[in-house]
Amino acid sequence: MFMRILVPTDFTGSAGAALVLARTHFPDAERCLLHVIDPQRVASNTLASVSVGDERRAFEDKVLAQLQELAVPGETCAVRVGPAAETILDEAQSWEADLIVMGTHGRTGIALFLNGSVAEKVVRHARRPVLIEHERSG
């Protein structure tokens, strides 16, 4: 049975659905909620009067607070900066997750071609099972 579950989130409906699925189907497992920050987003938000390091830490703290609001007792939270898919895979390895549960936006066609899919990259390169959840409509 899966006892350590990594749940990456981008705070979208599909990520929320994945978190519900992880909690519902694996209630006794340890769960780590992970948000990956795009390093370019931090750089673009940096003011000239504030160092990049200070801005990055402030942004990470803000995101961590959002994660902690989502978390229930017993869940841990982590914020990392880097390319999303690679960082999720690295965190799954270092945290020794035995399952990744994540949402997908369900892009198809040209949107998938242009943007790629973080979930697709994780599924292709993960060395552990990955459970993908779509946002439920209605």
N, C-alpha and C. Protein backbone atom coordinates (compact mmCIF):
# COMPACT_ATOMS: atom_id res chain seq x y z
N MET A 1 0.85 -1.19 0.00
CA MET A 1 0.00 0.00 0.00
C MET A 1 0.89 1.24 0.00
N PHE A 2 0.35 2.32 -0.49
CA PHE A 2 1.10 3.57 -0.58
C PHE A 2 1.05 4.29 0.76
N MET A 3 2.22 4.60 1.30
CA MET A 3 2.29 5.23 2.62
C MET A 3 2.89 6.64 2.60
N ARG A 4 3.56 7.02 1.51
CA ARG A 4 4.13 8.36 1.40
C ARG A 4 3.73 8.92 0.03
N ILE A 5 2.84 9.90 0.07
CA ILE A 5 2.25 10.42 -1.16
C ILE A 5 2.62 11.88 -1.34
N LEU A 6 3.21 12.17 -2.49
CA LEU A 6 3.53 13.55 -2.86
C LEU A 6 2.37 14.09 -3.68
N VAL A 7 1.86 15.25 -3.28
CA VAL A 7 0.73 15.87 -3.98
C VAL A 7 1.16 17.26 -4.45
N PRO A 8 1.66 17.35 -5.68
CA PRO A 8 2.01 18.67 -6.21
C PRO A 8 0.74 19.48 -6.46
N THR A 9 0.80 20.78 -6.20
CA THR A 9 -0.36 21.62 -6.43
C THR A 9 0.05 22.93 -7.07
N ASP A 10 -0.80 23.40 -7.97
CA ASP A 10 -0.65 24.74 -8.53
C ASP A 10 -1.86 25.59 -8.15
N PHE A 11 -2.61 25.11 -7.17
CA PHE A 11 -3.78 25.80 -6.61
C PHE A 11 -4.94 25.90 -7.60
N THR A 12 -4.99 25.03 -8.60
CA THR A 12 -6.10 25.01 -9.55
C THR A 12 -7.13 23.97 -9.11
N GLY A 13 -8.25 23.94 -9.81
CA GLY A 13 -9.29 22.97 -9.50
C GLY A 13 -8.83 21.54 -9.67
N SER A 14 -8.03 21.28 -10.70
CA SER A 14 -7.56 19.91 -10.92
C SER A 14 -6.60 19.48 -9.82
N ALA A 15 -5.78 20.40 -9.34
CA ALA A 15 -4.88 20.08 -8.23
C ALA A 15 -5.67 19.84 -6.95
N GLY A 16 -6.72 20.62 -6.76
CA GLY A 16 -7.59 20.41 -5.61
C GLY A 16 -8.28 19.06 -5.66
N ALA A 17 -8.71 18.66 -6.86
CA ALA A 17 -9.34 17.35 -7.03
C ALA A 17 -8.34 16.23 -6.71
N ALA A 18 -7.08 16.42 -7.09
CA ALA A 18 -6.05 15.42 -6.79
C ALA A 18 -5.83 15.31 -5.29
N LEU A 19 -5.84 16.44 -4.60
CA LEU A 19 -5.65 16.42 -3.15
C LEU A 19 -6.81 15.70 -2.47
N VAL A 20 -8.03 15.97 -2.91
CA VAL A 20 -9.20 15.26 -2.36
C VAL A 20 -9.06 13.77 -2.60
N LEU A 21 -8.65 13.39 -3.80
CA LEU A 21 -8.48 11.97 -4.12
C LEU A 21 -7.44 11.33 -3.20
N ALA A 22 -6.31 12.01 -3.00
CA ALA A 22 -5.26 11.46 -2.14
C ALA A 22 -5.76 11.29 -0.71
N ARG A 23 -6.49 12.27 -0.21
CA ARG A 23 -7.00 12.18 1.16
C ARG A 23 -8.07 11.10 1.29
N THR A 24 -8.91 10.98 0.30
CA THR A 24 -10.02 10.03 0.35
C THR A 24 -9.56 8.58 0.21
N HIS A 25 -8.71 8.34 -0.76
CA HIS A 25 -8.31 6.96 -1.06
C HIS A 25 -7.13 6.47 -0.23
N PHE A 26 -6.37 7.40 0.34
CA PHE A 26 -5.20 7.01 1.13
C PHE A 26 -5.18 7.80 2.44
N PRO A 27 -6.22 7.63 3.28
CA PRO A 27 -6.34 8.45 4.48
C PRO A 27 -5.23 8.23 5.51
N ASP A 28 -4.61 7.07 5.51
CA ASP A 28 -3.59 6.78 6.51
C ASP A 28 -2.17 7.08 6.03
N ALA A 29 -2.04 7.52 4.81
CA ALA A 29 -0.71 7.78 4.26
C ALA A 29 -0.18 9.14 4.72
N GLU A 30 1.13 9.26 4.77
CA GLU A 30 1.76 10.57 4.94
C GLU A 30 1.62 11.29 3.61
N ARG A 31 1.27 12.57 3.67
CA ARG A 31 1.14 13.35 2.45
C ARG A 31 1.99 14.61 2.54
N CYS A 32 2.63 14.92 1.44
CA CYS A 32 3.40 16.16 1.34
C CYS A 32 2.80 16.98 0.20
N LEU A 33 2.32 18.17 0.51
CA LEU A 33 1.82 19.09 -0.49
C LEU A 33 2.99 19.91 -1.00
N LEU A 34 3.16 19.92 -2.30
CA LEU A 34 4.31 20.59 -2.92
C LEU A 34 3.83 21.63 -3.93
N HIS A 35 4.40 22.82 -3.85
CA HIS A 35 4.20 23.81 -4.89
C HIS A 35 5.56 24.17 -5.46
N VAL A 36 5.63 24.17 -6.78
CA VAL A 36 6.88 24.52 -7.46
C VAL A 36 6.72 25.90 -8.09
N ILE A 37 7.65 26.77 -7.75
CA ILE A 37 7.64 28.14 -8.27
C ILE A 37 8.57 28.21 -9.47
N ASP A 38 8.06 28.77 -10.54
CA ASP A 38 8.86 29.00 -11.74
C ASP A 38 9.90 30.08 -11.41
N PRO A 39 11.19 29.81 -11.59
CA PRO A 39 12.21 30.81 -11.24
C PRO A 39 12.06 32.11 -12.02
N GLN A 40 11.51 32.06 -13.22
CA GLN A 40 11.31 33.28 -14.00
C GLN A 40 10.23 34.15 -13.37
N ARG A 41 9.26 33.53 -12.72
CA ARG A 41 8.20 34.30 -12.06
C ARG A 41 8.77 35.10 -10.90
N VAL A 42 9.65 34.49 -10.14
CA VAL A 42 10.29 35.20 -9.03
C VAL A 42 11.12 36.35 -9.57
N ALA A 43 11.90 36.09 -10.61
CA ALA A 43 12.76 37.13 -11.19
C ALA A 43 11.93 38.29 -11.73
N SER A 44 10.80 38.01 -12.36
CA SER A 44 9.99 39.07 -12.95
C SER A 44 9.28 39.91 -11.88
N ASN A 45 9.13 39.37 -10.68
CA ASN A 45 8.48 40.11 -9.59
C ASN A 45 9.46 40.92 -8.75
N THR A 46 10.74 40.81 -9.04
CA THR A 46 11.76 41.44 -8.22
C THR A 46 11.83 42.94 -8.48
N LEU A 47 11.84 43.70 -7.41
CA LEU A 47 11.99 45.15 -7.50
C LEU A 47 13.47 45.50 -7.46
N ALA A 48 13.82 46.61 -8.08
CA ALA A 48 15.22 47.03 -8.13
C ALA A 48 15.77 47.28 -6.73
N SER A 49 14.93 47.72 -5.80
CA SER A 49 15.41 48.05 -4.46
C SER A 49 15.51 46.84 -3.54
N VAL A 50 15.03 45.70 -3.98
CA VAL A 50 15.04 44.51 -3.14
C VAL A 50 15.91 43.46 -3.81
N SER A 51 16.72 42.79 -3.03
CA SER A 51 17.56 41.75 -3.62
C SER A 51 16.71 40.59 -4.11
N VAL A 52 17.21 39.89 -5.11
CA VAL A 52 16.51 38.74 -5.65
C VAL A 52 16.27 37.70 -4.56
N GLY A 53 17.27 37.48 -3.72
CA GLY A 53 17.14 36.50 -2.64
C GLY A 53 16.03 36.85 -1.67
N ASP A 54 15.95 38.13 -1.29
CA ASP A 54 14.90 38.56 -0.37
C ASP A 54 13.52 38.42 -1.00
N GLU A 55 13.41 38.81 -2.26
CA GLU A 55 12.13 38.70 -2.97
C GLU A 55 11.72 37.24 -3.09
N ARG A 56 12.67 36.39 -3.41
CA ARG A 56 12.38 34.96 -3.56
C ARG A 56 11.89 34.37 -2.25
N ARG A 57 12.58 34.70 -1.15
CA ARG A 57 12.17 34.18 0.16
C ARG A 57 10.77 34.67 0.54
N ALA A 58 10.49 35.94 0.27
CA ALA A 58 9.17 36.49 0.59
C ALA A 58 8.08 35.79 -0.23
N PHE A 59 8.36 35.55 -1.49
CA PHE A 59 7.39 34.87 -2.35
C PHE A 59 7.20 33.43 -1.90
N GLU A 60 8.29 32.74 -1.56
CA GLU A 60 8.20 31.36 -1.06
C GLU A 60 7.38 31.31 0.23
N ASP A 61 7.60 32.28 1.12
CA ASP A 61 6.85 32.32 2.38
C ASP A 61 5.36 32.51 2.12
N LYS A 62 5.02 33.36 1.15
CA LYS A 62 3.62 33.59 0.81
C LYS A 62 2.98 32.31 0.28
N VAL A 63 3.68 31.61 -0.60
CA VAL A 63 3.16 30.36 -1.15
C VAL A 63 3.06 29.30 -0.06
N LEU A 64 4.05 29.23 0.81
CA LEU A 64 4.00 28.27 1.91
C LEU A 64 2.78 28.51 2.80
N ALA A 65 2.47 29.76 3.05
CA ALA A 65 1.28 30.08 3.85
C ALA A 65 0.01 29.59 3.15
N GLN A 66 -0.05 29.73 1.83
CA GLN A 66 -1.20 29.22 1.08
C GLN A 66 -1.29 27.69 1.20
N LEU A 67 -0.16 27.02 1.10
CA LEU A 67 -0.14 25.56 1.24
C LEU A 67 -0.62 25.14 2.62
N GLN A 68 -0.14 25.84 3.63
CA GLN A 68 -0.51 25.50 5.00
C GLN A 68 -2.00 25.68 5.25
N GLU A 69 -2.63 26.62 4.54
CA GLU A 69 -4.08 26.78 4.64
C GLU A 69 -4.82 25.58 4.06
N LEU A 70 -4.24 24.96 3.03
CA LEU A 70 -4.84 23.77 2.41
C LEU A 70 -4.62 22.51 3.24
N ALA A 71 -3.52 22.47 3.96
CA ALA A 71 -3.11 21.25 4.65
C ALA A 71 -4.02 20.95 5.84
N VAL A 72 -4.17 19.66 6.08
CA VAL A 72 -4.85 19.20 7.28
C VAL A 72 -3.77 18.67 8.23
N PRO A 73 -4.09 18.50 9.51
CA PRO A 73 -3.08 18.00 10.44
C PRO A 73 -2.43 16.71 9.93
N GLY A 74 -1.13 16.67 10.04
CA GLY A 74 -0.37 15.51 9.60
C GLY A 74 0.22 15.64 8.21
N GLU A 75 -0.26 16.60 7.43
CA GLU A 75 0.30 16.82 6.10
C GLU A 75 1.45 17.81 6.19
N THR A 76 2.51 17.54 5.45
CA THR A 76 3.62 18.47 5.40
C THR A 76 3.51 19.29 4.12
N CYS A 77 4.20 20.41 4.11
CA CYS A 77 4.17 21.32 2.97
C CYS A 77 5.59 21.65 2.54
N ALA A 78 5.78 21.79 1.24
CA ALA A 78 7.09 22.14 0.71
C ALA A 78 6.92 23.08 -0.47
N VAL A 79 7.82 24.05 -0.56
CA VAL A 79 7.87 24.97 -1.69
C VAL A 79 9.26 24.86 -2.28
N ARG A 80 9.33 24.68 -3.58
CA ARG A 80 10.61 24.58 -4.28
C ARG A 80 10.58 25.51 -5.48
N VAL A 81 11.75 25.92 -5.93
CA VAL A 81 11.88 26.77 -7.11
C VAL A 81 12.61 25.98 -8.17
N GLY A 82 12.04 25.94 -9.38
CA GLY A 82 12.68 25.24 -10.48
C GLY A 82 11.69 24.87 -11.55
N PRO A 83 12.15 24.18 -12.57
CA PRO A 83 11.23 23.69 -13.60
C PRO A 83 10.26 22.69 -12.97
N ALA A 84 8.98 22.84 -13.24
CA ALA A 84 7.95 22.10 -12.51
C ALA A 84 8.14 20.59 -12.53
N ALA A 85 8.16 19.98 -13.69
CA ALA A 85 8.21 18.51 -13.76
C ALA A 85 9.47 17.96 -13.11
N GLU A 86 10.61 18.54 -13.44
CA GLU A 86 11.87 18.06 -12.89
C GLU A 86 11.92 18.22 -11.38
N THR A 87 11.39 19.33 -10.89
CA THR A 87 11.40 19.58 -9.45
C THR A 87 10.46 18.63 -8.72
N ILE A 88 9.32 18.33 -9.31
CA ILE A 88 8.40 17.35 -8.71
C ILE A 88 9.08 15.99 -8.62
N LEU A 89 9.74 15.58 -9.70
CA LEU A 89 10.43 14.29 -9.70
C LEU A 89 11.56 14.26 -8.68
N ASP A 90 12.32 15.34 -8.57
CA ASP A 90 13.40 15.42 -7.58
C ASP A 90 12.85 15.34 -6.16
N GLU A 91 11.76 16.04 -5.91
CA GLU A 91 11.17 16.03 -4.57
C GLU A 91 10.61 14.65 -4.23
N ALA A 92 9.99 13.99 -5.20
CA ALA A 92 9.48 12.63 -4.97
C ALA A 92 10.62 11.70 -4.59
N GLN A 93 11.76 11.86 -5.23
CA GLN A 93 12.93 11.04 -4.94
C GLN A 93 13.49 11.36 -3.55
N SER A 94 13.70 12.63 -3.27
CA SER A 94 14.34 12.99 -2.00
C SER A 94 13.41 12.76 -0.80
N TRP A 95 12.11 12.93 -0.98
CA TRP A 95 11.15 12.70 0.11
C TRP A 95 10.80 11.22 0.22
N GLU A 96 11.25 10.43 -0.74
CA GLU A 96 11.00 8.99 -0.79
C GLU A 96 9.50 8.68 -0.88
N ALA A 97 8.82 9.44 -1.73
CA ALA A 97 7.40 9.18 -1.98
C ALA A 97 7.26 7.85 -2.71
N ASP A 98 6.21 7.11 -2.38
CA ASP A 98 5.96 5.90 -3.15
C ASP A 98 4.79 6.06 -4.10
N LEU A 99 4.20 7.26 -4.15
CA LEU A 99 3.15 7.58 -5.11
C LEU A 99 3.10 9.10 -5.29
N ILE A 100 2.86 9.54 -6.51
CA ILE A 100 2.61 10.95 -6.81
C ILE A 100 1.15 11.04 -7.26
N VAL A 101 0.39 11.93 -6.63
CA VAL A 101 -0.99 12.17 -7.03
C VAL A 101 -1.09 13.63 -7.45
N MET A 102 -1.43 13.85 -8.71
CA MET A 102 -1.45 15.23 -9.20
C MET A 102 -2.59 15.45 -10.18
N GLY A 103 -2.95 16.71 -10.32
CA GLY A 103 -3.99 17.09 -11.26
C GLY A 103 -3.41 17.42 -12.61
N THR A 104 -4.29 17.45 -13.59
CA THR A 104 -3.90 17.87 -14.93
C THR A 104 -5.00 18.76 -15.48
N HIS A 105 -4.58 19.69 -16.31
CA HIS A 105 -5.54 20.62 -16.92
C HIS A 105 -6.22 20.01 -18.14
N GLY A 106 -5.70 18.90 -18.61
CA GLY A 106 -6.32 18.21 -19.74
C GLY A 106 -6.16 18.93 -21.06
N ARG A 107 -5.05 19.65 -21.22
CA ARG A 107 -4.81 20.32 -22.50
C ARG A 107 -4.66 19.29 -23.61
N THR A 108 -5.13 19.66 -24.77
CA THR A 108 -4.99 18.79 -25.93
C THR A 108 -4.59 19.64 -27.13
N GLY A 109 -4.26 18.98 -28.20
CA GLY A 109 -3.99 19.67 -29.46
C GLY A 109 -2.86 20.66 -29.37
N ILE A 110 -3.09 21.84 -29.92
CA ILE A 110 -2.04 22.85 -30.03
C ILE A 110 -1.60 23.36 -28.66
N ALA A 111 -2.53 23.47 -27.71
CA ALA A 111 -2.16 23.94 -26.37
C ALA A 111 -1.17 22.98 -25.72
N LEU A 112 -1.41 21.68 -25.88
CA LEU A 112 -0.49 20.69 -25.33
C LEU A 112 0.85 20.77 -26.06
N PHE A 113 0.80 20.91 -27.37
CA PHE A 113 2.02 20.98 -28.16
C PHE A 113 2.87 22.19 -27.78
N LEU A 114 2.24 23.35 -27.62
CA LEU A 114 2.97 24.57 -27.31
C LEU A 114 3.44 24.63 -25.87
N ASN A 115 2.60 24.21 -24.95
CA ASN A 115 2.91 24.36 -23.53
C ASN A 115 3.47 23.10 -22.88
N GLY A 116 3.25 21.97 -23.51
CA GLY A 116 3.62 20.72 -22.86
C GLY A 116 2.71 20.49 -21.68
N SER A 117 2.91 19.42 -21.00
CA SER A 117 2.11 19.11 -19.83
C SER A 117 3.05 18.66 -18.73
N VAL A 118 2.96 19.33 -17.60
CA VAL A 118 3.78 18.93 -16.46
C VAL A 118 3.43 17.49 -16.07
N ALA A 119 2.13 17.19 -16.03
CA ALA A 119 1.71 15.84 -15.65
C ALA A 119 2.27 14.80 -16.62
N GLU A 120 2.23 15.10 -17.91
CA GLU A 120 2.76 14.16 -18.89
C GLU A 120 4.25 13.90 -18.67
N LYS A 121 5.00 14.97 -18.41
CA LYS A 121 6.44 14.82 -18.18
C LYS A 121 6.71 14.00 -16.92
N VAL A 122 5.92 14.25 -15.88
CA VAL A 122 6.09 13.49 -14.63
C VAL A 122 5.79 12.02 -14.87
N VAL A 123 4.69 11.73 -15.55
CA VAL A 123 4.33 10.33 -15.83
C VAL A 123 5.43 9.64 -16.63
N ARG A 124 5.96 10.32 -17.63
CA ARG A 124 6.98 9.71 -18.49
C ARG A 124 8.29 9.40 -17.77
N HIS A 125 8.64 10.23 -16.80
CA HIS A 125 9.97 10.11 -16.20
C HIS A 125 9.97 9.62 -14.75
N ALA A 126 8.81 9.45 -14.16
CA ALA A 126 8.75 9.04 -12.75
C ALA A 126 9.22 7.60 -12.58
N ARG A 127 9.87 7.36 -11.46
CA ARG A 127 10.32 6.01 -11.11
C ARG A 127 9.42 5.42 -10.02
N ARG A 128 8.21 5.93 -9.97
CA ARG A 128 7.20 5.47 -9.02
C ARG A 128 5.85 5.70 -9.67
N PRO A 129 4.80 5.08 -9.16
CA PRO A 129 3.48 5.28 -9.75
C PRO A 129 3.02 6.74 -9.66
N VAL A 130 2.28 7.16 -10.67
CA VAL A 130 1.69 8.50 -10.70
C VAL A 130 0.20 8.34 -10.97
N LEU A 131 -0.61 8.95 -10.12
CA LEU A 131 -2.05 8.93 -10.28
C LEU A 131 -2.48 10.33 -10.70
N ILE A 132 -3.15 10.42 -11.85
CA ILE A 132 -3.55 11.71 -12.41
C ILE A 132 -5.05 11.90 -12.21
N GLU A 133 -5.43 13.09 -11.76
CA GLU A 133 -6.84 13.41 -11.55
C GLU A 133 -7.20 14.65 -12.36
N HIS A 134 -8.35 14.59 -13.01
CA HIS A 134 -8.89 15.75 -13.74
C HIS A 134 -9.87 16.48 -12.84
N GLU A 135 -10.00 17.77 -13.08
CA GLU A 135 -11.01 18.54 -12.36
C GLU A 135 -12.38 18.04 -12.76
N ARG A 136 -13.22 17.87 -11.78
CA ARG A 136 -14.58 17.40 -12.05
C ARG A 136 -15.46 18.60 -12.38
N SER A 137 -16.22 18.49 -13.45
CA SER A 137 -17.12 19.59 -13.81
C SER A 137 -18.51 19.32 -13.24
N GLY A 138 -19.23 20.41 -13.03
CA GLY A 138 -20.61 20.29 -12.60
C GLY A 138 -20.74 20.15 -11.16
